[in-house]
Amino acid sequence: MPGVLIVEAFGQSAAALTAYSIDPEIVKNKLVYLMTVNNARFRNPVMPDCQLMLKVEAIRSKGKVWKYKGVAMVGDKIMADSEWMATIVDRKE
């Protein structure tokens, strides 16, 4: 699996975590945008038949900006890890 897809999976998981952490009525008209990716490390290749488990944690939030960290694992083996920031914005219709 290309590293960019692992980063995308981190971002999608963080967006879901954020949505479940905030009042659902507020979140339904919002979008989550990835702002930065820091310290991304790809330690081992992820093969197509592997089951990738993501562990994502919100480190802090300030206003509309959230900071996260995450680890991608296959079994007990760390495949990738990263920190990133995202922002929550109003959905424009």
PDB file of N, CA and C in Angstrom:
ATOM      1  N   MET A   1       0.852  -1.171   0.000  1.00  0.00           N
ATOM      2  CA  MET A   1       0.000   0.000   0.000  1.00  0.00           C
ATOM      3  C   MET A   1       0.898   1.235   0.000  1.00  0.00           C
ATOM      4  N   PRO A   2       0.670   2.144  -0.921  1.00  0.00           N
ATOM      5  CA  PRO A   2       1.475   3.373  -0.945  1.00  0.00           C
ATOM      6  C   PRO A   2       1.281   4.201   0.333  1.00  0.00           C
ATOM      7  N   GLY A   3       2.355   4.860   0.746  1.00  0.00           N
ATOM      8  CA  GLY A   3       2.311   5.671   1.954  1.00  0.00           C
ATOM      9  C   GLY A   3       1.251   6.751   1.919  1.00  0.00           C
ATOM     10  N   VAL A   4       0.999   7.313   0.738  1.00  0.00           N
ATOM     11  CA  VAL A   4      -0.002   8.374   0.640  1.00  0.00           C
ATOM     12  C   VAL A   4      -1.388   7.846   1.012  1.00  0.00           C
ATOM     13  N   LEU A   5      -1.664   6.575   0.752  1.00  0.00           N
ATOM     14  CA  LEU A   5      -2.954   5.999   1.138  1.00  0.00           C
ATOM     15  C   LEU A   5      -3.042   5.776   2.646  1.00  0.00           C
ATOM     16  N   ILE A   6      -1.915   5.493   3.270  1.00  0.00           N
ATOM     17  CA  ILE A   6      -1.904   5.370   4.731  1.00  0.00           C
ATOM     18  C   ILE A   6      -2.164   6.739   5.359  1.00  0.00           C
ATOM     19  N   VAL A   7      -1.537   7.786   4.822  1.00  0.00           N
ATOM     20  CA  VAL A   7      -1.776   9.147   5.309  1.00  0.00           C
ATOM     21  C   VAL A   7      -3.245   9.520   5.107  1.00  0.00           C
ATOM     22  N   GLU A   8      -3.818   9.170   3.962  1.00  0.00           N
ATOM     23  CA  GLU A   8      -5.241   9.427   3.709  1.00  0.00           C
ATOM     24  C   GLU A   8      -6.110   8.691   4.731  1.00  0.00           C
ATOM     25  N   ALA A   9      -5.766   7.455   5.025  1.00  0.00           N
ATOM     26  CA  ALA A   9      -6.522   6.689   6.020  1.00  0.00           C
ATOM     27  C   ALA A   9      -6.439   7.349   7.396  1.00  0.00           C
ATOM     28  N   PHE A  10      -5.253   7.853   7.757  1.00  0.00           N
ATOM     29  CA  PHE A  10      -5.115   8.598   9.012  1.00  0.00           C
ATOM     30  C   PHE A  10      -6.067   9.799   9.012  1.00  0.00           C
ATOM     31  N   GLY A  11      -6.061  10.564   7.928  1.00  0.00           N
ATOM     32  CA  GLY A  11      -6.907  11.754   7.836  1.00  0.00           C
ATOM     33  C   GLY A  11      -8.386  11.430   7.929  1.00  0.00           C
ATOM     34  N   GLN A  12      -8.824  10.384   7.230  1.00  0.00           N
ATOM     35  CA  GLN A  12     -10.231   9.986   7.273  1.00  0.00           C
ATOM     36  C   GLN A  12     -10.621   9.521   8.675  1.00  0.00           C
ATOM     37  N   SER A  13      -9.744   8.774   9.312  1.00  0.00           N
ATOM     38  CA  SER A  13     -10.018   8.300  10.677  1.00  0.00           C
ATOM     39  C   SER A  13     -10.100   9.468  11.656  1.00  0.00           C
ATOM     40  N   ALA A  14      -9.216  10.437  11.489  1.00  0.00           N
ATOM     41  CA  ALA A  14      -9.236  11.617  12.359  1.00  0.00           C
ATOM     42  C   ALA A  14     -10.513  12.423  12.152  1.00  0.00           C
ATOM     43  N   ALA A  15     -10.969  12.540  10.906  1.00  0.00           N
ATOM     44  CA  ALA A  15     -12.216  13.262  10.630  1.00  0.00           C
ATOM     45  C   ALA A  15     -13.392  12.565  11.311  1.00  0.00           C
ATOM     46  N   ALA A  16     -13.423  11.237  11.256  1.00  0.00           N
ATOM     47  CA  ALA A  16     -14.489  10.485  11.926  1.00  0.00           C
ATOM     48  C   ALA A  16     -14.406  10.668  13.440  1.00  0.00           C
ATOM     49  N   LEU A  17     -13.197  10.617  13.988  1.00  0.00           N
ATOM     50  CA  LEU A  17     -13.001  10.820  15.427  1.00  0.00           C
ATOM     51  C   LEU A  17     -13.498  12.202  15.845  1.00  0.00           C
ATOM     52  N   THR A  18     -13.170  13.216  15.051  1.00  0.00           N
ATOM     53  CA  THR A  18     -13.602  14.579  15.341  1.00  0.00           C
ATOM     54  C   THR A  18     -15.119  14.680  15.301  1.00  0.00           C
ATOM     55  N   ALA A  19     -15.727  14.071  14.283  1.00  0.00           N
ATOM     56  CA  ALA A  19     -17.182  14.120  14.145  1.00  0.00           C
ATOM     57  C   ALA A  19     -17.875  13.479  15.347  1.00  0.00           C
ATOM     58  N   TYR A  20     -17.330  12.385  15.850  1.00  0.00           N
ATOM     59  CA  TYR A  20     -17.928  11.718  17.004  1.00  0.00           C
ATOM     60  C   TYR A  20     -17.606  12.423  18.318  1.00  0.00           C
ATOM     61  N   SER A  21     -16.630  13.327  18.314  1.00  0.00           N
ATOM     62  CA  SER A  21     -16.248  14.050  19.526  1.00  0.00           C
ATOM     63  C   SER A  21     -17.040  15.334  19.709  1.00  0.00           C
ATOM     64  N   ILE A  22     -17.700  15.770  18.644  1.00  0.00           N
ATOM     65  CA  ILE A  22     -18.440  17.034  18.652  1.00  0.00           C
ATOM     66  C   ILE A  22     -19.925  16.711  18.507  1.00  0.00           C
ATOM     67  N   ASP A  23     -20.769  17.610  18.898  1.00  0.00           N
ATOM     68  CA  ASP A  23     -22.216  17.456  18.751  1.00  0.00           C
ATOM     69  C   ASP A  23     -22.568  17.154  17.292  1.00  0.00           C
ATOM     70  N   PRO A  24     -23.266  16.052  17.021  1.00  0.00           N
ATOM     71  CA  PRO A  24     -23.597  15.668  15.637  1.00  0.00           C
ATOM     72  C   PRO A  24     -24.361  16.738  14.865  1.00  0.00           C
ATOM     73  N   GLU A  25     -25.175  17.522  15.540  1.00  0.00           N
ATOM     74  CA  GLU A  25     -25.919  18.581  14.853  1.00  0.00           C
ATOM     75  C   GLU A  25     -24.984  19.671  14.331  1.00  0.00           C
ATOM     76  N   ILE A  26     -23.902  19.919  15.043  1.00  0.00           N
ATOM     77  CA  ILE A  26     -22.933  20.929  14.614  1.00  0.00           C
ATOM     78  C   ILE A  26     -22.107  20.405  13.449  1.00  0.00           C
ATOM     79  N   VAL A  27     -21.698  19.154  13.521  1.00  0.00           N
ATOM     80  CA  VAL A  27     -20.768  18.577  12.547  1.00  0.00           C
ATOM     81  C   VAL A  27     -21.404  18.327  11.182  1.00  0.00           C
ATOM     82  N   LYS A  28     -22.710  18.118  11.117  1.00  0.00           N
ATOM     83  CA  LYS A  28     -23.313  17.727   9.841  1.00  0.00           C
ATOM     84  C   LYS A  28     -23.167  18.789   8.748  1.00  0.00           C
ATOM     85  N   ASN A  29     -22.925  20.026   9.105  1.00  0.00           N
ATOM     86  CA  ASN A  29     -22.724  21.089   8.116  1.00  0.00           C
ATOM     87  C   ASN A  29     -21.277  21.570   8.080  1.00  0.00           C
ATOM     88  N   LYS A  30     -20.356  20.701   8.460  1.00  0.00           N
ATOM     89  CA  LYS A  30     -18.935  21.050   8.489  1.00  0.00           C
ATOM     90  C   LYS A  30     -18.130  20.102   7.607  1.00  0.00           C
ATOM     91  N   LEU A  31     -16.938  20.546   7.238  1.00  0.00           N
ATOM     92  CA  LEU A  31     -15.954  19.720   6.539  1.00  0.00           C
ATOM     93  C   LEU A  31     -14.663  19.750   7.343  1.00  0.00           C
ATOM     94  N   VAL A  32     -13.908  18.671   7.265  1.00  0.00           N
ATOM     95  CA  VAL A  32     -12.602  18.604   7.923  1.00  0.00           C
ATOM     96  C   VAL A  32     -11.533  18.594   6.841  1.00  0.00           C
ATOM     97  N   TYR A  33     -10.610  19.558   6.897  1.00  0.00           N
ATOM     98  CA  TYR A  33      -9.526  19.663   5.920  1.00  0.00           C
ATOM     99  C   TYR A  33      -8.188  19.371   6.586  1.00  0.00           C
ATOM    100  N   LEU A  34      -7.397  18.545   5.951  1.00  0.00           N
ATOM    101  CA  LEU A  34      -6.043  18.261   6.406  1.00  0.00           C
ATOM    102  C   LEU A  34      -5.179  19.494   6.152  1.00  0.00           C
ATOM    103  N   MET A  35      -4.428  19.926   7.163  1.00  0.00           N
ATOM    104  CA  MET A  35      -3.586  21.114   7.031  1.00  0.00           C
ATOM    105  C   MET A  35      -2.117  20.754   6.880  1.00  0.00           C
ATOM    106  N   THR A  36      -1.610  19.921   7.781  1.00  0.00           N
ATOM    107  CA  THR A  36      -0.192  19.556   7.751  1.00  0.00           C
ATOM    108  C   THR A  36      -0.030  18.083   8.098  1.00  0.00           C
ATOM    109  N   VAL A  37       1.058  17.511   7.622  1.00  0.00           N
ATOM    110  CA  VAL A  37       1.483  16.170   8.023  1.00  0.00           C
ATOM    111  C   VAL A  37       2.922  16.309   8.501  1.00  0.00           C
ATOM    112  N   ASN A  38       3.186  15.900   9.735  1.00  0.00           N
ATOM    113  CA  ASN A  38       4.522  16.041  10.324  1.00  0.00           C
ATOM    114  C   ASN A  38       5.039  14.690  10.802  1.00  0.00           C
ATOM    115  N   ASN A  39       6.331  14.530  10.692  1.00  0.00           N
ATOM    116  CA  ASN A  39       7.011  13.348  11.232  1.00  0.00           C
ATOM    117  C   ASN A  39       6.428  12.034  10.728  1.00  0.00           C
ATOM    118  N   ALA A  40       5.998  11.993   9.474  1.00  0.00           N
ATOM    119  CA  ALA A  40       5.471  10.745   8.909  1.00  0.00           C
ATOM    120  C   ALA A  40       6.630   9.783   8.670  1.00  0.00           C
ATOM    121  N   ARG A  41       6.502   8.591   9.220  1.00  0.00           N
ATOM    122  CA  ARG A  41       7.536   7.565   9.042  1.00  0.00           C
ATOM    123  C   ARG A  41       6.867   6.292   8.547  1.00  0.00           C
ATOM    124  N   PHE A  42       7.417   5.751   7.482  1.00  0.00           N
ATOM    125  CA  PHE A  42       6.921   4.513   6.903  1.00  0.00           C
ATOM    126  C   PHE A  42       7.982   3.464   7.175  1.00  0.00           C
ATOM    127  N   ARG A  43       7.721   2.614   8.146  1.00  0.00           N
ATOM    128  CA  ARG A  43       8.733   1.712   8.682  1.00  0.00           C
ATOM    129  C   ARG A  43       8.828   0.390   7.937  1.00  0.00           C
ATOM    130  N   ASN A  44       7.702  -0.115   7.460  1.00  0.00           N
ATOM    131  CA  ASN A  44       7.660  -1.413   6.785  1.00  0.00           C
ATOM    132  C   ASN A  44       6.638  -1.351   5.657  1.00  0.00           C
ATOM    133  N   PRO A  45       6.854  -2.103   4.584  1.00  0.00           N
ATOM    134  CA  PRO A  45       5.876  -2.110   3.495  1.00  0.00           C
ATOM    135  C   PRO A  45       4.587  -2.830   3.911  1.00  0.00           C
ATOM    136  N   VAL A  46       3.469  -2.306   3.443  1.00  0.00           N
ATOM    137  CA  VAL A  46       2.170  -2.927   3.693  1.00  0.00           C
ATOM    138  C   VAL A  46       1.740  -3.617   2.404  1.00  0.00           C
ATOM    139  N   MET A  47       1.602  -4.920   2.462  1.00  0.00           N
ATOM    140  CA  MET A  47       1.239  -5.716   1.294  1.00  0.00           C
ATOM    141  C   MET A  47      -0.283  -5.786   1.142  1.00  0.00           C
ATOM    142  N   PRO A  48      -0.778  -6.058  -0.080  1.00  0.00           N
ATOM    143  CA  PRO A  48      -2.224  -6.060  -0.327  1.00  0.00           C
ATOM    144  C   PRO A  48      -3.037  -6.999   0.564  1.00  0.00           C
ATOM    145  N   ASP A  49      -2.484  -8.112   0.997  1.00  0.00           N
ATOM    146  CA  ASP A  49      -3.272  -9.050   1.801  1.00  0.00           C
ATOM    147  C   ASP A  49      -3.215  -8.764   3.301  1.00  0.00           C
ATOM    148  N   CYS A  50      -2.570  -7.671   3.705  1.00  0.00           N
ATOM    149  CA  CYS A  50      -2.440  -7.334   5.127  1.00  0.00           C
ATOM    150  C   CYS A  50      -3.677  -6.581   5.618  1.00  0.00           C
ATOM    151  N   GLN A  51      -4.028  -6.807   6.881  1.00  0.00           N
ATOM    152  CA  GLN A  51      -5.091  -6.041   7.513  1.00  0.00           C
ATOM    153  C   GLN A  51      -4.436  -4.933   8.328  1.00  0.00           C
ATOM    154  N   LEU A  52      -4.633  -3.693   7.896  1.00  0.00           N
ATOM    155  CA  LEU A  52      -4.005  -2.535   8.528  1.00  0.00           C
ATOM    156  C   LEU A  52      -4.924  -1.995   9.618  1.00  0.00           C
ATOM    157  N   MET A  53      -4.418  -1.903  10.840  1.00  0.00           N
ATOM    158  CA  MET A  53      -5.173  -1.370  11.971  1.00  0.00           C
ATOM    159  C   MET A  53      -4.628   0.015  12.295  1.00  0.00           C
ATOM    160  N   LEU A  54      -5.524   0.997  12.371  1.00  0.00           N
ATOM    161  CA  LEU A  54      -5.121   2.368  12.674  1.00  0.00           C
ATOM    162  C   LEU A  54      -5.497   2.716  14.104  1.00  0.00           C
ATOM    163  N   LYS A  55      -4.581   3.353  14.800  1.00  0.00           N
ATOM    164  CA  LYS A  55      -4.843   3.894  16.129  1.00  0.00           C
ATOM    165  C   LYS A  55      -4.621   5.395  16.032  1.00  0.00           C
ATOM    166  N   VAL A  56      -5.696   6.162  16.157  1.00  0.00           N
ATOM    167  CA  VAL A  56      -5.647   7.614  15.990  1.00  0.00           C
ATOM    168  C   VAL A  56      -6.079   8.269  17.290  1.00  0.00           C
ATOM    169  N   GLU A  57      -5.347   9.310  17.678  1.00  0.00           N
ATOM    170  CA  GLU A  57      -5.632  10.021  18.922  1.00  0.00           C
ATOM    171  C   GLU A  57      -5.604  11.522  18.662  1.00  0.00           C
ATOM    172  N   ALA A  58      -6.613  12.227  19.164  1.00  0.00           N
ATOM    173  CA  ALA A  58      -6.607  13.691  19.123  1.00  0.00           C
ATOM    174  C   ALA A  58      -5.735  14.172  20.279  1.00  0.00           C
ATOM    175  N   ILE A  59      -4.672  14.898  19.956  1.00  0.00           N
ATOM    176  CA  ILE A  59      -3.746  15.383  20.982  1.00  0.00           C
ATOM    177  C   ILE A  59      -4.292  16.640  21.645  1.00  0.00           C
ATOM    178  N   ARG A  60      -4.773  17.571  20.818  1.00  0.00           N
ATOM    179  CA  ARG A  60      -5.345  18.806  21.362  1.00  0.00           C
ATOM    180  C   ARG A  60      -6.148  19.512  20.280  1.00  0.00           C
ATOM    181  N   SER A  61      -6.960  20.456  20.721  1.00  0.00           N
ATOM    182  CA  SER A  61      -7.693  21.300  19.779  1.00  0.00           C
ATOM    183  C   SER A  61      -7.689  22.720  20.314  1.00  0.00           C
ATOM    184  N   LYS A  62      -7.654  23.645  19.379  1.00  0.00           N
ATOM    185  CA  LYS A  62      -7.708  25.061  19.731  1.00  0.00           C
ATOM    186  C   LYS A  62      -8.555  25.731  18.662  1.00  0.00           C
ATOM    187  N   GLY A  63      -9.735  26.144  19.042  1.00  0.00           N
ATOM    188  CA  GLY A  63     -10.646  26.718  18.066  1.00  0.00           C
ATOM    189  C   GLY A  63     -11.037  25.669  17.039  1.00  0.00           C
ATOM    190  N   LYS A  64     -10.805  25.981  15.777  1.00  0.00           N
ATOM    191  CA  LYS A  64     -11.160  25.074  14.686  1.00  0.00           C
ATOM    192  C   LYS A  64     -10.024  24.146  14.284  1.00  0.00           C
ATOM    193  N   VAL A  65      -8.885  24.250  14.942  1.00  0.00           N
ATOM    194  CA  VAL A  65      -7.707  23.458  14.557  1.00  0.00           C
ATOM    195  C   VAL A  65      -7.495  22.323  15.562  1.00  0.00           C
ATOM    196  N   TRP A  66      -7.324  21.123  15.030  1.00  0.00           N
ATOM    197  CA  TRP A  66      -7.093  19.923  15.841  1.00  0.00           C
ATOM    198  C   TRP A  66      -5.752  19.323  15.469  1.00  0.00           C
ATOM    199  N   LYS A  67      -5.058  18.777  16.464  1.00  0.00           N
ATOM    200  CA  LYS A  67      -3.796  18.073  16.221  1.00  0.00           C
ATOM    201  C   LYS A  67      -3.978  16.612  16.616  1.00  0.00           C
ATOM    202  N   TYR A  68      -3.442  15.713  15.782  1.00  0.00           N
ATOM    203  CA  TYR A  68      -3.612  14.274  15.968  1.00  0.00           C
ATOM    204  C   TYR A  68      -2.270  13.564  15.876  1.00  0.00           C
ATOM    205  N   LYS A  69      -2.270  12.333  16.384  1.00  0.00           N
ATOM    206  CA  LYS A  69      -1.162  11.425  16.115  1.00  0.00           C
ATOM    207  C   LYS A  69      -1.768  10.056  15.856  1.00  0.00           C
ATOM    208  N   GLY A  70      -1.041   9.263  15.077  1.00  0.00           N
ATOM    209  CA  GLY A  70      -1.570   7.951  14.761  1.00  0.00           C
ATOM    210  C   GLY A  70      -0.482   6.949  14.445  1.00  0.00           C
ATOM    211  N   VAL A  71      -0.848   5.682  14.583  1.00  0.00           N
ATOM    212  CA  VAL A  71       0.037   4.560  14.287  1.00  0.00           C
ATOM    213  C   VAL A  71      -0.745   3.581  13.428  1.00  0.00           C
ATOM    214  N   ALA A  72      -0.109   3.092  12.371  1.00  0.00           N
ATOM    215  CA  ALA A  72      -0.689   2.048  11.525  1.00  0.00           C
ATOM    216  C   ALA A  72       0.061   0.759  11.817  1.00  0.00           C
ATOM    217  N   MET A  73      -0.689  -0.306  12.110  1.00  0.00           N
ATOM    218  CA  MET A  73      -0.064  -1.569  12.504  1.00  0.00           C
ATOM    219  C   MET A  73      -0.653  -2.737  11.719  1.00  0.00           C
ATOM    220  N   VAL A  74       0.177  -3.745  11.514  1.00  0.00           N
ATOM    221  CA  VAL A  74      -0.269  -5.047  11.029  1.00  0.00           C
ATOM    222  C   VAL A  74       0.119  -6.025  12.131  1.00  0.00           C
ATOM    223  N   GLY A  75      -0.880  -6.564  12.805  1.00  0.00           N
ATOM    224  CA  GLY A  75      -0.597  -7.378  13.988  1.00  0.00           C
ATOM    225  C   GLY A  75       0.045  -6.506  15.052  1.00  0.00           C
ATOM    226  N   ASP A  76       1.178  -6.909  15.565  1.00  0.00           N
ATOM    227  CA  ASP A  76       1.908  -6.127  16.569  1.00  0.00           C
ATOM    228  C   ASP A  76       3.029  -5.288  15.967  1.00  0.00           C
ATOM    229  N   LYS A  77       3.137  -5.288  14.649  1.00  0.00           N
ATOM    230  CA  LYS A  77       4.242  -4.611  13.966  1.00  0.00           C
ATOM    231  C   LYS A  77       3.806  -3.223  13.489  1.00  0.00           C
ATOM    232  N   ILE A  78       4.579  -2.200  13.880  1.00  0.00           N
ATOM    233  CA  ILE A  78       4.295  -0.830  13.442  1.00  0.00           C
ATOM    234  C   ILE A  78       4.745  -0.675  11.995  1.00  0.00           C
ATOM    235  N   MET A  79       3.812  -0.245  11.150  1.00  0.00           N
ATOM    236  CA  MET A  79       4.095  -0.058   9.734  1.00  0.00           C
ATOM    237  C   MET A  79       4.351   1.411   9.401  1.00  0.00           C
ATOM    238  N   ALA A  80       3.638   2.311  10.093  1.00  0.00           N
ATOM    239  CA  ALA A  80       3.788   3.750   9.847  1.00  0.00           C
ATOM    240  C   ALA A  80       3.279   4.509  11.065  1.00  0.00           C
ATOM    241  N   ASP A  81       3.773   5.732  11.219  1.00  0.00           N
ATOM    242  CA  ASP A  81       3.247   6.615  12.255  1.00  0.00           C
ATOM    243  C   ASP A  81       3.407   8.050  11.784  1.00  0.00           C
ATOM    244  N   SER A  82       2.607   8.937  12.355  1.00  0.00           N
ATOM    245  CA  SER A  82       2.614  10.320  11.901  1.00  0.00           C
ATOM    246  C   SER A  82       1.890  11.211  12.905  1.00  0.00           C
ATOM    247  N   GLU A  83       2.091  12.508  12.752  1.00  0.00           N
ATOM    248  CA  GLU A  83       1.302  13.535  13.417  1.00  0.00           C
ATOM    249  C   GLU A  83       0.768  14.443  12.325  1.00  0.00           C
ATOM    250  N   TRP A  84      -0.388  15.013  12.531  1.00  0.00           N
ATOM    251  CA  TRP A  84      -0.954  15.907  11.530  1.00  0.00           C
ATOM    252  C   TRP A  84      -1.941  16.851  12.187  1.00  0.00           C
ATOM    253  N   MET A  85      -2.292  17.911  11.448  1.00  0.00           N
ATOM    254  CA  MET A  85      -3.263  18.895  11.916  1.00  0.00           C
ATOM    255  C   MET A  85      -4.362  19.022  10.880  1.00  0.00           C
ATOM    256  N   ALA A  86      -5.565  19.303  11.377  1.00  0.00           N
ATOM    257  CA  ALA A  86      -6.716  19.482  10.497  1.00  0.00           C
ATOM    258  C   ALA A  86      -7.551  20.635  11.030  1.00  0.00           C
ATOM    259  N   THR A  87      -8.374  21.196  10.159  1.00  0.00           N
ATOM    260  CA  THR A  87      -9.266  22.268  10.565  1.00  0.00           C
ATOM    261  C   THR A  87     -10.693  21.910  10.183  1.00  0.00           C
ATOM    262  N   ILE A  88     -11.632  22.443  10.939  1.00  0.00           N
ATOM    263  CA  ILE A  88     -13.049  22.227  10.686  1.00  0.00           C
ATOM    264  C   ILE A  88     -13.613  23.532  10.142  1.00  0.00           C
ATOM    265  N   VAL A  89     -14.264  23.452   8.980  1.00  0.00           N
ATOM    266  CA  VAL A  89     -14.810  24.654   8.343  1.00  0.00           C
ATOM    267  C   VAL A  89     -16.276  24.425   7.991  1.00  0.00           C
ATOM    268  N   ASP A  90     -16.995  25.526   7.778  1.00  0.00           N
ATOM    269  CA  ASP A  90     -18.393  25.432   7.360  1.00  0.00           C
ATOM    270  C   ASP A  90     -18.482  24.909   5.939  1.00  0.00           C
ATOM    271  N   ARG A  91     -19.461  24.039   5.706  1.00  0.00           N
ATOM    272  CA  ARG A  91     -19.731  23.523   4.363  1.00  0.00           C
ATOM    273  C   ARG A  91     -20.465  24.618   3.582  1.00  0.00           C
ATOM    274  N   LYS A  92     -19.961  24.930   2.389  1.00  0.00           N
ATOM    275  CA  LYS A  92     -20.616  25.921   1.534  1.00  0.00           C
ATOM    276  C   LYS A  92     -21.492  25.186   0.541  1.00  0.00           C
ATOM    277  N   GLU A  93     -22.739  25.570   0.478  1.00  0.00           N
ATOM    278  CA  GLU A  93     -23.679  24.853  -0.390  1.00  0.00           C
ATOM    279  C   GLU A  93     -23.861  25.543  -1.702  1.00  0.00           C
TER     280      GLU A  93
END
